């Protein structure tokens, strides 16, 4: 999933390809938090991956912890 995200951010992929790669990686749903500057990807097994928007990172303000 991380590689698919990176390719999309670099403009080397498009949404259709990205969506197919996400499904193949086991992503069943995701939430984009615009105010929180992140996207959380989830699988059917409860696995999650948080991807911060480029230039954003967890802060004490968001209450988020980097794992």
C-alpha atoms as a PDB file:
ATOM      1  CA  UNK A   1       0.000   0.000   0.000  1.00  0.00           C
ATOM      2  CA  UNK A   2       2.804   2.401   0.856  1.00  0.00           C
ATOM      3  CA  UNK A   3       4.364   1.930  -2.601  1.00  0.00           C
ATOM      4  CA  UNK A   4       1.018   2.579  -4.320  1.00  0.00           C
ATOM      5  CA  UNK A   5       0.524   5.748  -2.278  1.00  0.00           C
ATOM      6  CA  UNK A   6       4.023   6.973  -3.112  1.00  0.00           C
ATOM      7  CA  UNK A   7       3.558   6.353  -6.866  1.00  0.00           C
ATOM      8  CA  UNK A   8       0.295   8.299  -6.790  1.00  0.00           C
ATOM      9  CA  UNK A   9       1.857  11.188  -4.869  1.00  0.00           C
ATOM     10  CA  UNK A  10       4.665  11.353  -7.433  1.00  0.00           C
ATOM     11  CA  UNK A  11       2.156  11.456 -10.291  1.00  0.00           C
ATOM     12  CA  UNK A  12       3.291   8.050 -11.583  1.00  0.00           C
ATOM     13  CA  UNK A  13      -0.151   6.492 -11.165  1.00  0.00           C
ATOM     14  CA  UNK A  14      -3.797   7.457 -11.402  1.00  0.00           C
ATOM     15  CA  UNK A  15      -6.841   6.890  -9.196  1.00  0.00           C
ATOM     16  CA  UNK A  16      -8.065   3.828 -11.087  1.00  0.00           C
ATOM     17  CA  UNK A  17      -4.725   2.030 -10.791  1.00  0.00           C
ATOM     18  CA  UNK A  18      -4.342   3.179  -7.193  1.00  0.00           C
ATOM     19  CA  UNK A  19      -7.808   1.836  -6.339  1.00  0.00           C
ATOM     20  CA  UNK A  20      -7.007  -1.555  -7.869  1.00  0.00           C
ATOM     21  CA  UNK A  21      -3.727  -1.739  -5.950  1.00  0.00           C
ATOM     22  CA  UNK A  22      -5.503  -0.805  -2.708  1.00  0.00           C
ATOM     23  CA  UNK A  23      -8.057  -3.580  -3.213  1.00  0.00           C
ATOM     24  CA  UNK A  24      -5.277  -6.064  -3.996  1.00  0.00           C
ATOM     25  CA  UNK A  25      -3.523  -4.970  -0.794  1.00  0.00           C
ATOM     26  CA  UNK A  26      -6.674  -5.818   1.173  1.00  0.00           C
ATOM     27  CA  UNK A  27      -8.035  -2.319   1.762  1.00  0.00           C
ATOM     28  CA  UNK A  28     -11.784  -2.505   2.342  1.00  0.00           C
ATOM     29  CA  UNK A  29     -12.388   1.116   3.279  1.00  0.00           C
ATOM     30  CA  UNK A  30     -10.637   4.352   4.065  1.00  0.00           C
ATOM     31  CA  UNK A  31     -11.382   7.696   5.632  1.00  0.00           C
ATOM     32  CA  UNK A  32      -9.811  10.983   4.585  1.00  0.00           C
ATOM     33  CA  UNK A  33      -9.570  13.508   7.403  1.00  0.00           C
ATOM     34  CA  UNK A  34      -8.996  16.826   5.674  1.00  0.00           C
ATOM     35  CA  UNK A  35      -8.739  18.843   8.887  1.00  0.00           C
ATOM     36  CA  UNK A  36      -6.451  16.206  10.410  1.00  0.00           C
ATOM     37  CA  UNK A  37      -4.399  15.999   7.196  1.00  0.00           C
ATOM     38  CA  UNK A  38      -4.371  12.209   6.960  1.00  0.00           C
ATOM     39  CA  UNK A  39      -5.998   9.188   5.364  1.00  0.00           C
ATOM     40  CA  UNK A  40      -6.632   6.012   7.337  1.00  0.00           C
ATOM     41  CA  UNK A  41      -6.798   2.790   5.296  1.00  0.00           C
ATOM     42  CA  UNK A  42      -8.445  -0.311   6.833  1.00  0.00           C
ATOM     43  CA  UNK A  43      -8.654  -4.021   6.025  1.00  0.00           C
ATOM     44  CA  UNK A  44     -11.322  -6.598   6.808  1.00  0.00           C
ATOM     45  CA  UNK A  45      -8.998  -8.002   9.502  1.00  0.00           C
ATOM     46  CA  UNK A  46      -8.687  -4.725  11.400  1.00  0.00           C
ATOM     47  CA  UNK A  47      -5.284  -3.767  10.034  1.00  0.00           C
ATOM     48  CA  UNK A  48      -4.856  -0.025   9.571  1.00  0.00           C
ATOM     49  CA  UNK A  49      -2.377   2.275   7.898  1.00  0.00           C
ATOM     50  CA  UNK A  50      -2.342   6.017   8.517  1.00  0.00           C
ATOM     51  CA  UNK A  51      -0.902   8.090   5.711  1.00  0.00           C
ATOM     52  CA  UNK A  52      -0.210  11.724   6.539  1.00  0.00           C
ATOM     53  CA  UNK A  53      -0.646  14.320   3.827  1.00  0.00           C
ATOM     54  CA  UNK A  54       2.688  15.398   2.309  1.00  0.00           C
ATOM     55  CA  UNK A  55       4.319  17.866   4.711  1.00  0.00           C
ATOM     56  CA  UNK A  56       1.968  16.961   7.589  1.00  0.00           C
ATOM     57  CA  UNK A  57       2.885  14.858  10.599  1.00  0.00           C
ATOM     58  CA  UNK A  58       1.445  13.918  13.975  1.00  0.00           C
ATOM     59  CA  UNK A  59       1.510  16.771  16.481  1.00  0.00           C
ATOM     60  CA  UNK A  60       0.576  17.274  20.095  1.00  0.00           C
ATOM     61  CA  UNK A  61      -2.311  19.392  18.798  1.00  0.00           C
ATOM     62  CA  UNK A  62      -3.939  16.447  16.992  1.00  0.00           C
ATOM     63  CA  UNK A  63      -3.378  14.112  19.907  1.00  0.00           C
ATOM     64  CA  UNK A  64      -2.005  11.559  17.462  1.00  0.00           C
ATOM     65  CA  UNK A  65       1.009   9.412  18.147  1.00  0.00           C
ATOM     66  CA  UNK A  66       3.380   8.142  15.496  1.00  0.00           C
ATOM     67  CA  UNK A  67       3.629   4.349  15.557  1.00  0.00           C
END
